[in-house]
Protein backbone atom coordinates (compact mmCIF):
# COMPACT_ATOMS: atom_id res chain seq x y z
CA MET A 1 186.12 69.03 -28.52
CA ASN A 2 187.96 72.25 -27.79
CA HIS A 3 186.41 75.71 -27.70
CA VAL A 4 187.88 79.18 -27.94
CA VAL A 5 186.67 81.75 -25.42
CA VAL A 6 187.31 85.46 -25.97
CA THR A 7 187.16 87.59 -22.81
CA ILE A 8 186.31 91.28 -23.15
CA GLN A 9 186.88 93.50 -20.12
CA LEU A 10 186.02 97.10 -19.38
CA ILE A 11 188.85 98.45 -17.20
CA ASP A 12 188.83 101.80 -15.39
CA ASP A 13 191.72 104.27 -15.14
CA GLN A 14 193.05 102.51 -12.03
CA GLY A 15 193.19 99.16 -13.82
CA GLU A 16 190.16 97.68 -12.05
CA VAL A 17 187.84 95.46 -14.06
CA GLN A 18 184.41 97.12 -14.24
CA SER A 19 182.70 94.48 -16.35
CA MET A 20 183.61 91.32 -18.18
CA LYS A 21 181.92 89.44 -20.99
CA GLU A 22 182.90 86.19 -22.63
CA VAL A 23 182.28 85.12 -26.19
CA VAL A 24 182.28 81.33 -26.41
CA LEU A 25 182.89 80.13 -29.94
CA ASP A 26 181.68 76.89 -31.47
CA GLU A 27 183.70 73.73 -31.26
CA ILE A 28 186.82 73.57 -33.37
CA ARG A 29 186.46 70.68 -35.76
CA LEU A 30 187.19 69.84 -39.36
CA PRO A 31 184.28 69.95 -41.78
CA GLU A 32 182.87 66.60 -42.86
CA GLN A 33 183.92 67.30 -46.44
CA PRO A 34 187.66 68.08 -46.56
CA GLU A 35 187.36 69.84 -49.91
CA ASN A 36 185.34 72.58 -48.12
CA VAL A 37 187.89 73.30 -45.39
CA LEU A 38 188.96 76.72 -46.68
CA ASP A 39 185.38 77.82 -47.33
CA ARG A 40 184.36 76.79 -43.80
CA LEU A 41 187.38 78.55 -42.27
CA GLU A 42 186.50 81.77 -44.10
CA GLU A 43 182.87 81.52 -42.95
CA ARG A 44 184.02 80.87 -39.39
CA ALA A 45 186.38 83.86 -39.46
CA GLU A 46 183.49 86.11 -40.54
CA ASP A 47 181.14 84.66 -37.91
CA VAL A 48 183.72 84.99 -35.14
CA GLY A 49 184.52 88.55 -36.18
CA ARG A 50 180.84 89.51 -36.05
CA LYS A 51 180.30 87.87 -32.65
CA VAL A 52 183.33 89.51 -31.06
CA THR A 53 182.59 92.91 -32.61
CA ARG A 54 178.96 92.79 -31.39
CA THR A 55 180.15 92.05 -27.86
CA VAL A 56 182.79 94.81 -27.90
CA MET A 57 180.21 97.31 -29.15
CA ALA A 58 177.70 96.21 -26.49
CA VAL A 59 180.29 96.83 -23.76
CA GLU A 60 181.07 100.27 -25.22
CA TRP A 61 177.37 101.17 -25.53
CA GLU A 62 176.70 100.12 -21.93
CA GLU A 63 179.57 102.31 -20.75
CA LEU A 64 178.38 105.28 -22.82
CA ASP A 65 174.88 104.80 -21.43
CA ARG A 66 176.25 104.72 -17.88
CA GLN A 67 178.21 107.92 -18.50
CA ALA A 68 175.18 109.66 -20.05
CA VAL A 69 172.97 108.75 -17.09
CA ALA A 70 175.61 109.95 -14.61
CA GLU A 71 175.94 113.23 -16.51
CA ALA A 72 172.17 113.71 -16.63
CA LYS A 73 171.93 113.08 -12.87
CA ARG A 74 174.65 115.66 -12.23
CA SER A 75 172.99 118.28 -14.41
CA PHE A 76 169.59 117.86 -12.70
CA SER A 77 170.91 117.71 -9.12
CA PRO A 78 169.74 120.53 -6.82
């Protein structure tokens, strides 16, 4: 079965990749009951959206944490 993989990259001002995360989604397959196809697609869209959003936010939070630590180190340097 096929899978979809979403790659999320944090890229600096020079275009260099600083970090990369992948979100691997479940197999793409039809539901066992064809009458539920639209319901399953809607559920999948919501699940995928949550997974990708969580990963994007984690990358942003890690970067903000890195910046905050760097700033704190600068402010306490002798």
